Amino acid sequence: MGIKLFVASLSYETSEDELRELFAAHGELKEVSIATDRETGKSRGFAFIKFASRKAGEAALKELNGTDVNGRKLSVQESNDSRGGGRGGGRGGNRHGGRGGRDGGQRRRN
């Protein structure tokens, strides 16, 4: 099973090919994708790198976190998608917040 890395603090000039070359030195890549703005198509300054093997991805994370690329120090972390588990959750409660609403949980009598 592979691993997906989140790479932040990218220069807006960094290309997917540059990232592919940098990260492929650590193992087989499944996917490299730089997030882009829907309207302008320009980089949003972060990317996702998917490795075929967890071991290779973890080696890249250790080696490349903090590396200077195009004048910016990369921040490399394991992606939340890679860690498993659901994205669900959230807290229930009423629409006035978790402490009983505007009256602080005390009911008022008229």
PDB file of N, CA and C in Angstrom:
ATOM      1  N   MET A   1       0.841  -1.183   0.000  1.00  0.00           N
ATOM      2  CA  MET A   1       0.000   0.000   0.000  1.00  0.00           C
ATOM      3  C   MET A   1       0.881   1.239   0.000  1.00  0.00           C
ATOM      4  N   GLY A   2       0.466   2.255  -0.731  1.00  0.00           N
ATOM      5  CA  GLY A   2       1.247   3.470  -0.886  1.00  0.00           C
ATOM      6  C   GLY A   2       0.952   4.509   0.174  1.00  0.00           C
ATOM      7  N   ILE A   3       1.404   5.713  -0.120  1.00  0.00           N
ATOM      8  CA  ILE A   3       1.230   6.842   0.781  1.00  0.00           C
ATOM      9  C   ILE A   3       1.050   8.096  -0.065  1.00  0.00           C
ATOM     10  N   LYS A   4       0.253   9.017   0.437  1.00  0.00           N
ATOM     11  CA  LYS A   4       0.030  10.282  -0.243  1.00  0.00           C
ATOM     12  C   LYS A   4       0.621  11.393   0.619  1.00  0.00           C
ATOM     13  N   LEU A   5       1.449  12.236  -0.002  1.00  0.00           N
ATOM     14  CA  LEU A   5       2.084  13.340   0.710  1.00  0.00           C
ATOM     15  C   LEU A   5       1.460  14.664   0.308  1.00  0.00           C
ATOM     16  N   PHE A   6       1.371  15.563   1.267  1.00  0.00           N
ATOM     17  CA  PHE A   6       0.924  16.936   1.053  1.00  0.00           C
ATOM     18  C   PHE A   6       2.174  17.802   1.051  1.00  0.00           C
ATOM     19  N   VAL A   7       2.379  18.554  -0.021  1.00  0.00           N
ATOM     20  CA  VAL A   7       3.564  19.398  -0.161  1.00  0.00           C
ATOM     21  C   VAL A   7       3.102  20.848  -0.241  1.00  0.00           C
ATOM     22  N   ALA A   8       3.497  21.646   0.754  1.00  0.00           N
ATOM     23  CA  ALA A   8       3.070  23.046   0.820  1.00  0.00           C
ATOM     24  C   ALA A   8       4.264  23.975   0.652  1.00  0.00           C
ATOM     25  N   SER A   9       3.955  25.248   0.539  1.00  0.00           N
ATOM     26  CA  SER A   9       4.946  26.313   0.410  1.00  0.00           C
ATOM     27  C   SER A   9       5.682  26.240  -0.927  1.00  0.00           C
ATOM     28  N   LEU A  10       4.960  25.831  -1.966  1.00  0.00           N
ATOM     29  CA  LEU A  10       5.556  25.783  -3.301  1.00  0.00           C
ATOM     30  C   LEU A  10       5.626  27.177  -3.898  1.00  0.00           C
ATOM     31  N   SER A  11       6.680  27.424  -4.648  1.00  0.00           N
ATOM     32  CA  SER A  11       6.748  28.625  -5.466  1.00  0.00           C
ATOM     33  C   SER A  11       5.673  28.479  -6.546  1.00  0.00           C
ATOM     34  N   TYR A  12       5.076  29.583  -6.949  1.00  0.00           N
ATOM     35  CA  TYR A  12       4.042  29.516  -7.981  1.00  0.00           C
ATOM     36  C   TYR A  12       4.618  29.091  -9.329  1.00  0.00           C
ATOM     37  N   GLU A  13       5.945  29.161  -9.472  1.00  0.00           N
ATOM     38  CA  GLU A  13       6.602  28.765 -10.714  1.00  0.00           C
ATOM     39  C   GLU A  13       6.959  27.277 -10.755  1.00  0.00           C
ATOM     40  N   THR A  14       6.870  26.583  -9.630  1.00  0.00           N
ATOM     41  CA  THR A  14       7.235  25.163  -9.587  1.00  0.00           C
ATOM     42  C   THR A  14       6.250  24.338 -10.420  1.00  0.00           C
ATOM     43  N   SER A  15       6.795  23.454 -11.249  1.00  0.00           N
ATOM     44  CA  SER A  15       5.948  22.635 -12.129  1.00  0.00           C
ATOM     45  C   SER A  15       5.811  21.210 -11.592  1.00  0.00           C
ATOM     46  N   GLU A  16       4.816  20.506 -12.111  1.00  0.00           N
ATOM     47  CA  GLU A  16       4.631  19.100 -11.750  1.00  0.00           C
ATOM     48  C   GLU A  16       5.840  18.276 -12.181  1.00  0.00           C
ATOM     49  N   ASP A  17       6.429  18.619 -13.314  1.00  0.00           N
ATOM     50  CA  ASP A  17       7.614  17.890 -13.777  1.00  0.00           C
ATOM     51  C   ASP A  17       8.781  18.049 -12.807  1.00  0.00           C
ATOM     52  N   GLU A  18       8.972  19.254 -12.274  1.00  0.00           N
ATOM     53  CA  GLU A  18      10.040  19.471 -11.286  1.00  0.00           C
ATOM     54  C   GLU A  18       9.801  18.630 -10.032  1.00  0.00           C
ATOM     55  N   LEU A  19       8.561  18.623  -9.565  1.00  0.00           N
ATOM     56  CA  LEU A  19       8.238  17.827  -8.379  1.00  0.00           C
ATOM     57  C   LEU A  19       8.415  16.339  -8.653  1.00  0.00           C
ATOM     58  N   ARG A  20       7.975  15.914  -9.829  1.00  0.00           N
ATOM     59  CA  ARG A  20       8.097  14.498 -10.199  1.00  0.00           C
ATOM     60  C   ARG A  20       9.568  14.075 -10.177  1.00  0.00           C
ATOM     61  N   GLU A  21      10.429  14.898 -10.746  1.00  0.00           N
ATOM     62  CA  GLU A  21      11.858  14.585 -10.777  1.00  0.00           C
ATOM     63  C   GLU A  21      12.444  14.537  -9.365  1.00  0.00           C
ATOM     64  N   LEU A  22      12.079  15.488  -8.538  1.00  0.00           N
ATOM     65  CA  LEU A  22      12.597  15.569  -7.171  1.00  0.00           C
ATOM     66  C   LEU A  22      12.151  14.377  -6.321  1.00  0.00           C
ATOM     67  N   PHE A  23      10.861  14.057  -6.368  1.00  0.00           N
ATOM     68  CA  PHE A  23      10.317  13.006  -5.506  1.00  0.00           C
ATOM     69  C   PHE A  23      10.574  11.599  -6.055  1.00  0.00           C
ATOM     70  N   ALA A  24      10.671  11.446  -7.377  1.00  0.00           N
ATOM     71  CA  ALA A  24      10.886  10.126  -7.978  1.00  0.00           C
ATOM     72  C   ALA A  24      12.238   9.535  -7.601  1.00  0.00           C
ATOM     73  N   ALA A  25      13.152  10.355  -7.146  1.00  0.00           N
ATOM     74  CA  ALA A  25      14.459   9.854  -6.703  1.00  0.00           C
ATOM     75  C   ALA A  25      14.312   8.927  -5.496  1.00  0.00           C
ATOM     76  N   HIS A  26      13.141   8.964  -4.846  1.00  0.00           N
ATOM     77  CA  HIS A  26      12.917   8.161  -3.637  1.00  0.00           C
ATOM     78  C   HIS A  26      12.053   6.931  -3.873  1.00  0.00           C
ATOM     79  N   GLY A  27      11.471   6.811  -5.063  1.00  0.00           N
ATOM     80  CA  GLY A  27      10.656   5.638  -5.349  1.00  0.00           C
ATOM     81  C   GLY A  27       9.619   5.913  -6.421  1.00  0.00           C
ATOM     82  N   GLU A  28       8.873   4.874  -6.768  1.00  0.00           N
ATOM     83  CA  GLU A  28       7.863   4.962  -7.828  1.00  0.00           C
ATOM     84  C   GLU A  28       6.703   5.862  -7.416  1.00  0.00           C
ATOM     85  N   LEU A  29       6.374   6.793  -8.308  1.00  0.00           N
ATOM     86  CA  LEU A  29       5.258   7.706  -8.071  1.00  0.00           C
ATOM     87  C   LEU A  29       4.025   7.226  -8.815  1.00  0.00           C
ATOM     88  N   LYS A  30       2.878   7.344  -8.175  1.00  0.00           N
ATOM     89  CA  LYS A  30       1.596   7.032  -8.815  1.00  0.00           C
ATOM     90  C   LYS A  30       0.965   8.296  -9.397  1.00  0.00           C
ATOM     91  N   GLU A  31       1.178   9.424  -8.698  1.00  0.00           N
ATOM     92  CA  GLU A  31       0.511  10.662  -9.112  1.00  0.00           C
ATOM     93  C   GLU A  31       1.236  11.873  -8.538  1.00  0.00           C
ATOM     94  N   VAL A  32       1.282  12.941  -9.337  1.00  0.00           N
ATOM     95  CA  VAL A  32       1.787  14.243  -8.891  1.00  0.00           C
ATOM     96  C   VAL A  32       0.771  15.270  -9.369  1.00  0.00           C
ATOM     97  N   SER A  33       0.209  16.043  -8.443  1.00  0.00           N
ATOM     98  CA  SER A  33      -0.764  17.050  -8.866  1.00  0.00           C
ATOM     99  C   SER A  33      -0.630  18.318  -8.026  1.00  0.00           C
ATOM    100  N   ILE A  34      -0.425  19.425  -8.735  1.00  0.00           N
ATOM    101  CA  ILE A  34      -0.374  20.739  -8.098  1.00  0.00           C
ATOM    102  C   ILE A  34      -1.783  21.312  -8.133  1.00  0.00           C
ATOM    103  N   ALA A  35      -2.251  21.781  -6.990  1.00  0.00           N
ATOM    104  CA  ALA A  35      -3.582  22.387  -6.920  1.00  0.00           C
ATOM    105  C   ALA A  35      -3.553  23.727  -7.651  1.00  0.00           C
ATOM    106  N   THR A  36      -4.580  23.961  -8.468  1.00  0.00           N
ATOM    107  CA  THR A  36      -4.654  25.211  -9.221  1.00  0.00           C
ATOM    108  C   THR A  36      -5.976  25.920  -8.960  1.00  0.00           C
ATOM    109  N   ASP A  37      -5.949  27.217  -9.129  1.00  0.00           N
ATOM    110  CA  ASP A  37      -7.149  28.034  -8.994  1.00  0.00           C
ATOM    111  C   ASP A  37      -8.078  27.723 -10.164  1.00  0.00           C
ATOM    112  N   ARG A  38      -9.342  27.511  -9.891  1.00  0.00           N
ATOM    113  CA  ARG A  38     -10.298  27.141 -10.946  1.00  0.00           C
ATOM    114  C   ARG A  38     -10.458  28.228 -12.000  1.00  0.00           C
ATOM    115  N   GLU A  39     -10.426  29.472 -11.568  1.00  0.00           N
ATOM    116  CA  GLU A  39     -10.661  30.564 -12.511  1.00  0.00           C
ATOM    117  C   GLU A  39      -9.414  30.945 -13.300  1.00  0.00           C
ATOM    118  N   THR A  40      -8.275  31.037 -12.630  1.00  0.00           N
ATOM    119  CA  THR A  40      -7.058  31.510 -13.295  1.00  0.00           C
ATOM    120  C   THR A  40      -6.169  30.386 -13.804  1.00  0.00           C
ATOM    121  N   GLY A  41      -6.306  29.196 -13.229  1.00  0.00           N
ATOM    122  CA  GLY A  41      -5.446  28.085 -13.612  1.00  0.00           C
ATOM    123  C   GLY A  41      -4.057  28.156 -13.002  1.00  0.00           C
ATOM    124  N   LYS A  42      -3.809  29.172 -12.180  1.00  0.00           N
ATOM    125  CA  LYS A  42      -2.492  29.333 -11.551  1.00  0.00           C
ATOM    126  C   LYS A  42      -2.375  28.458 -10.307  1.00  0.00           C
ATOM    127  N   SER A  43      -1.138  28.112  -9.985  1.00  0.00           N
ATOM    128  CA  SER A  43      -0.853  27.283  -8.811  1.00  0.00           C
ATOM    129  C   SER A  43      -1.373  27.937  -7.539  1.00  0.00           C
ATOM    130  N   ARG A  44      -1.867  27.105  -6.623  1.00  0.00           N
ATOM    131  CA  ARG A  44      -2.299  27.590  -5.313  1.00  0.00           C
ATOM    132  C   ARG A  44      -1.197  27.410  -4.271  1.00  0.00           C
ATOM    133  N   GLY A  45      -0.032  26.908  -4.696  1.00  0.00           N
ATOM    134  CA  GLY A  45       1.115  26.817  -3.803  1.00  0.00           C
ATOM    135  C   GLY A  45       1.227  25.522  -3.017  1.00  0.00           C
ATOM    136  N   PHE A  46       0.433  24.509  -3.388  1.00  0.00           N
ATOM    137  CA  PHE A  46       0.571  23.210  -2.737  1.00  0.00           C
ATOM    138  C   PHE A  46       0.276  22.092  -3.733  1.00  0.00           C
ATOM    139  N   ALA A  47       0.731  20.890  -3.362  1.00  0.00           N
ATOM    140  CA  ALA A  47       0.580  19.742  -4.261  1.00  0.00           C
ATOM    141  C   ALA A  47       0.386  18.465  -3.460  1.00  0.00           C
ATOM    142  N   PHE A  48      -0.026  17.416  -4.164  1.00  0.00           N
ATOM    143  CA  PHE A  48      -0.135  16.083  -3.589  1.00  0.00           C
ATOM    144  C   PHE A  48       0.730  15.145  -4.419  1.00  0.00           C
ATOM    145  N   ILE A  49       1.492  14.321  -3.722  1.00  0.00           N
ATOM    146  CA  ILE A  49       2.366  13.341  -4.365  1.00  0.00           C
ATOM    147  C   ILE A  49       1.974  11.969  -3.831  1.00  0.00           C
ATOM    148  N   LYS A  50       1.606  11.064  -4.727  1.00  0.00           N
ATOM    149  CA  LYS A  50       1.221   9.714  -4.302  1.00  0.00           C
ATOM    150  C   LYS A  50       2.318   8.726  -4.692  1.00  0.00           C
ATOM    151  N   PHE A  51       2.839   8.016  -3.684  1.00  0.00           N
ATOM    152  CA  PHE A  51       3.873   7.005  -3.887  1.00  0.00           C
ATOM    153  C   PHE A  51       3.250   5.616  -3.947  1.00  0.00           C
ATOM    154  N   ALA A  52       3.882   4.726  -4.720  1.00  0.00           N
ATOM    155  CA  ALA A  52       3.426   3.340  -4.806  1.00  0.00           C
ATOM    156  C   ALA A  52       3.676   2.607  -3.493  1.00  0.00           C
ATOM    157  N   SER A  53       4.771   2.952  -2.799  1.00  0.00           N
ATOM    158  CA  SER A  53       5.069   2.271  -1.541  1.00  0.00           C
ATOM    159  C   SER A  53       5.176   3.265  -0.391  1.00  0.00           C
ATOM    160  N   ARG A  54       4.684   2.853   0.750  1.00  0.00           N
ATOM    161  CA  ARG A  54       4.734   3.685   1.962  1.00  0.00           C
ATOM    162  C   ARG A  54       6.180   3.989   2.340  1.00  0.00           C
ATOM    163  N   LYS A  55       7.038   2.979   2.246  1.00  0.00           N
ATOM    164  CA  LYS A  55       8.439   3.138   2.642  1.00  0.00           C
ATOM    165  C   LYS A  55       9.121   4.242   1.825  1.00  0.00           C
ATOM    166  N   ALA A  56       8.906   4.242   0.520  1.00  0.00           N
ATOM    167  CA  ALA A  56       9.502   5.255  -0.354  1.00  0.00           C
ATOM    168  C   ALA A  56       8.969   6.646  -0.017  1.00  0.00           C
ATOM    169  N   GLY A  57       7.666   6.739   0.220  1.00  0.00           N
ATOM    170  CA  GLY A  57       7.061   8.021   0.566  1.00  0.00           C
ATOM    171  C   GLY A  57       7.575   8.570   1.881  1.00  0.00           C
ATOM    172  N   GLU A  58       7.721   7.698   2.865  1.00  0.00           N
ATOM    173  CA  GLU A  58       8.234   8.141   4.164  1.00  0.00           C
ATOM    174  C   GLU A  58       9.682   8.606   4.054  1.00  0.00           C
ATOM    175  N   ALA A  59      10.470   7.935   3.199  1.00  0.00           N
ATOM    176  CA  ALA A  59      11.858   8.356   2.975  1.00  0.00           C
ATOM    177  C   ALA A  59      11.893   9.738   2.323  1.00  0.00           C
ATOM    178  N   ALA A  60      11.020   9.960   1.343  1.00  0.00           N
ATOM    179  CA  ALA A  60      10.958  11.260   0.677  1.00  0.00           C
ATOM    180  C   ALA A  60      10.543  12.351   1.655  1.00  0.00           C
ATOM    181  N   LEU A  61       9.579  12.049   2.501  1.00  0.00           N
ATOM    182  CA  LEU A  61       9.116  13.014   3.500  1.00  0.00           C
ATOM    183  C   LEU A  61      10.289  13.447   4.387  1.00  0.00           C
ATOM    184  N   LYS A  62      11.010  12.488   4.925  1.00  0.00           N
ATOM    185  CA  LYS A  62      12.143  12.798   5.812  1.00  0.00           C
ATOM    186  C   LYS A  62      13.230  13.582   5.090  1.00  0.00           C
ATOM    187  N   GLU A  63      13.514  13.192   3.865  1.00  0.00           N
ATOM    188  CA  GLU A  63      14.616  13.786   3.110  1.00  0.00           C
ATOM    189  C   GLU A  63      14.278  15.172   2.551  1.00  0.00           C
ATOM    190  N   LEU A  64      13.042  15.362   2.105  1.00  0.00           N
ATOM    191  CA  LEU A  64      12.710  16.574   1.356  1.00  0.00           C
ATOM    192  C   LEU A  64      12.012  17.661   2.166  1.00  0.00           C
ATOM    193  N   ASN A  65      11.507  17.351   3.342  1.00  0.00           N
ATOM    194  CA  ASN A  65      10.874  18.380   4.166  1.00  0.00           C
ATOM    195  C   ASN A  65      11.925  19.445   4.501  1.00  0.00           C
ATOM    196  N   GLY A  66      11.635  20.698   4.156  1.00  0.00           N
ATOM    197  CA  GLY A  66      12.571  21.794   4.413  1.00  0.00           C
ATOM    198  C   GLY A  66      13.532  22.072   3.269  1.00  0.00           C
ATOM    199  N   THR A  67      13.473  21.263   2.199  1.00  0.00           N
ATOM    200  CA  THR A  67      14.348  21.459   1.042  1.00  0.00           C
ATOM    201  C   THR A  67      13.961  22.725   0.293  1.00  0.00           C
ATOM    202  N   ASP A  68      14.947  23.474  -0.164  1.00  0.00           N
ATOM    203  CA  ASP A  68      14.711  24.692  -0.933  1.00  0.00           C
ATOM    204  C   ASP A  68      14.455  24.332  -2.393  1.00  0.00           C
ATOM    205  N   VAL A  69      13.309  24.754  -2.913  1.00  0.00           N
ATOM    206  CA  VAL A  69      12.965  24.557  -4.319  1.00  0.00           C
ATOM    207  C   VAL A  69      12.452  25.884  -4.861  1.00  0.00           C
ATOM    208  N   ASN A  70      13.138  26.412  -5.850  1.00  0.00           N
ATOM    209  CA  ASN A  70      12.771  27.699  -6.457  1.00  0.00           C
ATOM    210  C   ASN A  70      12.621  28.811  -5.419  1.00  0.00           C
ATOM    211  N   GLY A  71      13.524  28.825  -4.449  1.00  0.00           N
ATOM    212  CA  GLY A  71      13.538  29.895  -3.455  1.00  0.00           C
ATOM    213  C   GLY A  71      12.577  29.725  -2.292  1.00  0.00           C
ATOM    214  N   ARG A  72      11.888  28.593  -2.208  1.00  0.00           N
ATOM    215  CA  ARG A  72      10.948  28.339  -1.107  1.00  0.00           C
ATOM    216  C   ARG A  72      11.310  27.032  -0.418  1.00  0.00           C
ATOM    217  N   LYS A  73      11.172  26.996   0.919  1.00  0.00           N
ATOM    218  CA  LYS A  73      11.418  25.760   1.667  1.00  0.00           C
ATOM    219  C   LYS A  73      10.138  24.932   1.682  1.00  0.00           C
ATOM    220  N   LEU A  74      10.216  23.728   1.130  1.00  0.00           N
ATOM    221  CA  LEU A  74       9.048  22.853   1.073  1.00  0.00           C
ATOM    222  C   LEU A  74       8.641  22.377   2.460  1.00  0.00           C
ATOM    223  N   SER A  75       7.340  22.295   2.663  1.00  0.00           N
ATOM    224  CA  SER A  75       6.777  21.655   3.847  1.00  0.00           C
ATOM    225  C   SER A  75       6.131  20.366   3.357  1.00  0.00           C
ATOM    226  N   VAL A  76       6.678  19.225   3.762  1.00  0.00           N
ATOM    227  CA  VAL A  76       6.189  17.927   3.295  1.00  0.00           C
ATOM    228  C   VAL A  76       5.617  17.166   4.485  1.00  0.00           C
ATOM    229  N   GLN A  77       4.356  16.740   4.353  1.00  0.00           N
ATOM    230  CA  GLN A  77       3.671  16.005   5.419  1.00  0.00           C
ATOM    231  C   GLN A  77       2.866  14.871   4.805  1.00  0.00           C
ATOM    232  N   GLU A  78       2.522  13.891   5.630  1.00  0.00           N
ATOM    233  CA  GLU A  78       1.612  12.856   5.161  1.00  0.00           C
ATOM    234  C   GLU A  78       0.230  13.478   5.020  1.00  0.00           C
ATOM    235  N   SER A  79      -0.420  13.209   3.897  1.00  0.00           N
ATOM    236  CA  SER A  79      -1.751  13.748   3.647  1.00  0.00           C
ATOM    237  C   SER A  79      -2.776  13.082   4.554  1.00  0.00           C
ATOM    238  N   ASN A  80      -3.793  13.822   4.943  1.00  0.00           N
ATOM    239  CA  ASN A  80      -4.884  13.252   5.741  1.00  0.00           C
ATOM    240  C   ASN A  80      -5.555  12.108   4.995  1.00  0.00           C
ATOM    241  N   ASP A  81      -5.640  12.189   3.678  1.00  0.00           N
ATOM    242  CA  ASP A  81      -6.243  11.129   2.866  1.00  0.00           C
ATOM    243  C   ASP A  81      -5.493   9.815   3.031  1.00  0.00           C
ATOM    244  N   SER A  82      -4.193   9.907   3.254  1.00  0.00           N
ATOM    245  CA  SER A  82      -3.343   8.724   3.326  1.00  0.00           C
ATOM    246  C   SER A  82      -3.458   7.999   4.659  1.00  0.00           C
ATOM    247  N   ARG A  83      -3.898   8.698   5.682  1.00  0.00           N
ATOM    248  CA  ARG A  83      -3.928   8.128   7.029  1.00  0.00           C
ATOM    249  C   ARG A  83      -5.125   7.227   7.268  1.00  0.00           C
ATOM    250  N   GLY A  84      -6.080   7.238   6.360  1.00  0.00           N
ATOM    251  CA  GLY A  84      -7.254   6.397   6.540  1.00  0.00           C
ATOM    252  C   GLY A  84      -8.254   7.061   7.456  1.00  0.00           C
ATOM    253  N   GLY A  85      -9.274   6.313   7.802  1.00  0.00           N
ATOM    254  CA  GLY A  85     -10.300   6.882   8.669  1.00  0.00           C
ATOM    255  C   GLY A  85     -11.264   7.714   7.857  1.00  0.00           C
ATOM    256  N   GLY A  86     -12.349   8.058   8.480  1.00  0.00           N
ATOM    257  CA  GLY A  86     -13.368   8.821   7.788  1.00  0.00           C
ATOM    258  C   GLY A  86     -13.143  10.300   7.918  1.00  0.00           C
ATOM    259  N   ARG A  87     -13.864  11.006   7.107  1.00  0.00           N
ATOM    260  CA  ARG A  87     -13.829  12.456   7.196  1.00  0.00           C
ATOM    261  C   ARG A  87     -15.046  12.965   7.948  1.00  0.00           C
ATOM    262  N   GLY A  88     -15.843  12.058   8.412  1.00  0.00           N
ATOM    263  CA  GLY A  88     -17.073  12.433   9.091  1.00  0.00           C
ATOM    264  C   GLY A  88     -16.792  13.072  10.418  1.00  0.00           C
ATOM    265  N   GLY A  89     -17.776  13.088  11.215  1.00  0.00           N
ATOM    266  CA  GLY A  89     -17.571  13.669  12.528  1.00  0.00           C
ATOM    267  C   GLY A  89     -18.331  14.957  12.630  1.00  0.00           C
ATOM    268  N   GLY A  90     -17.773  15.862  13.329  1.00  0.00           N
ATOM    269  CA  GLY A  90     -18.492  17.086  13.586  1.00  0.00           C
ATOM    270  C   GLY A  90     -19.316  16.884  14.832  1.00  0.00           C
ATOM    271  N   ARG A  91     -19.717  17.964  15.415  1.00  0.00           N
ATOM    272  CA  ARG A  91     -20.454  17.844  16.664  1.00  0.00           C
ATOM    273  C   ARG A  91     -21.905  18.196  16.439  1.00  0.00           C
ATOM    274  N   GLY A  92     -22.725  17.549  17.183  1.00  0.00           N
ATOM    275  CA  GLY A  92     -24.140  17.870  17.140  1.00  0.00           C
ATOM    276  C   GLY A  92     -24.394  19.095  17.985  1.00  0.00           C
ATOM    277  N   GLY A  93     -25.607  19.321  18.283  1.00  0.00           N
ATOM    278  CA  GLY A  93     -25.924  20.455  19.136  1.00  0.00           C
ATOM    279  C   GLY A  93     -27.042  21.267  18.534  1.00  0.00           C
ATOM    280  N   ASN A  94     -27.491  22.224  19.299  1.00  0.00           N
ATOM    281  CA  ASN A  94     -28.567  23.052  18.773  1.00  0.00           C
ATOM    282  C   ASN A  94     -27.994  24.198  17.962  1.00  0.00           C
ATOM    283  N   ARG A  95     -28.848  24.969  17.361  1.00  0.00           N
ATOM    284  CA  ARG A  95     -28.362  26.016  16.474  1.00  0.00           C
ATOM    285  C   ARG A  95     -27.810  27.225  17.206  1.00  0.00           C
ATOM    286  N   HIS A  96     -27.932  27.240  18.523  1.00  0.00           N
ATOM    287  CA  HIS A  96     -27.429  28.369  19.300  1.00  0.00           C
ATOM    288  C   HIS A  96     -26.064  28.089  19.896  1.00  0.00           C
ATOM    289  N   GLY A  97     -25.460  26.965  19.575  1.00  0.00           N
ATOM    290  CA  GLY A  97     -24.141  26.644  20.116  1.00  0.00           C
ATOM    291  C   GLY A  97     -24.238  25.514  21.116  1.00  0.00           C
ATOM    292  N   GLY A  98     -23.124  25.130  21.674  1.00  0.00           N
ATOM    293  CA  GLY A  98     -23.062  23.957  22.524  1.00  0.00           C
ATOM    294  C   GLY A  98     -23.359  24.208  23.983  1.00  0.00           C
ATOM    295  N   ARG A  99     -23.738  25.417  24.360  1.00  0.00           N
ATOM    296  CA  ARG A  99     -23.941  25.701  25.779  1.00  0.00           C
ATOM    297  C   ARG A  99     -25.389  26.048  26.104  1.00  0.00           C
ATOM    298  N   GLY A 100     -26.288  25.577  25.313  1.00  0.00           N
ATOM    299  CA  GLY A 100     -27.691  25.756  25.665  1.00  0.00           C
ATOM    300  C   GLY A 100     -28.348  26.976  25.061  1.00  0.00           C
ATOM    301  N   GLY A 101     -27.698  27.631  24.158  1.00  0.00           N
ATOM    302  CA  GLY A 101     -28.328  28.753  23.486  1.00  0.00           C
ATOM    303  C   GLY A 101     -28.060  30.078  24.161  1.00  0.00           C
ATOM    304  N   ARG A 102     -28.899  31.044  23.841  1.00  0.00           N
ATOM    305  CA  ARG A 102     -28.664  32.419  24.282  1.00  0.00           C
ATOM    306  C   ARG A 102     -28.831  32.622  25.776  1.00  0.00           C
ATOM    307  N   ASP A 103     -29.631  31.788  26.416  1.00  0.00           N
ATOM    308  CA  ASP A 103     -29.874  31.993  27.848  1.00  0.00           C
ATOM    309  C   ASP A 103     -28.896  31.208  28.717  1.00  0.00           C
ATOM    310  N   GLY A 104     -27.829  30.655  28.122  1.00  0.00           N
ATOM    311  CA  GLY A 104     -26.809  29.954  28.896  1.00  0.00           C
ATOM    312  C   GLY A 104     -27.289  28.649  29.498  1.00  0.00           C
ATOM    313  N   GLY A 105     -28.345  28.070  28.944  1.00  0.00           N
ATOM    314  CA  GLY A 105     -28.829  26.791  29.438  1.00  0.00           C
ATOM    315  C   GLY A 105     -29.914  26.918  30.502  1.00  0.00           C
ATOM    316  N   GLN A 106     -30.283  28.132  30.877  1.00  0.00           N
ATOM    317  CA  GLN A 106     -31.329  28.323  31.886  1.00  0.00           C
ATOM    318  C   GLN A 106     -32.605  28.744  31.181  1.00  0.00           C
ATOM    319  N   ARG A 107     -33.671  28.067  31.517  1.00  0.00           N
ATOM    320  CA  ARG A 107     -34.945  28.424  30.898  1.00  0.00           C
ATOM    321  C   ARG A 107     -35.568  29.600  31.633  1.00  0.00           C
ATOM    322  N   ARG A 108     -36.123  30.460  30.871  1.00  0.00           N
ATOM    323  CA  ARG A 108     -36.774  31.629  31.468  1.00  0.00           C
ATOM    324  C   ARG A 108     -38.273  31.423  31.465  1.00  0.00           C
ATOM    325  N   ARG A 109     -38.906  31.908  32.499  1.00  0.00           N
ATOM    326  CA  ARG A 109     -40.367  31.840  32.566  1.00  0.00           C
ATOM    327  C   ARG A 109     -40.929  33.214  32.292  1.00  0.00           C
ATOM    328  N   ASN A 110     -42.019  33.226  31.566  1.00  0.00           N
ATOM    329  CA  ASN A 110     -42.684  34.508  31.275  1.00  0.00           C
ATOM    330  C   ASN A 110     -43.789  34.768  32.231  1.00  0.00           C
TER     331      ASN A 110
END
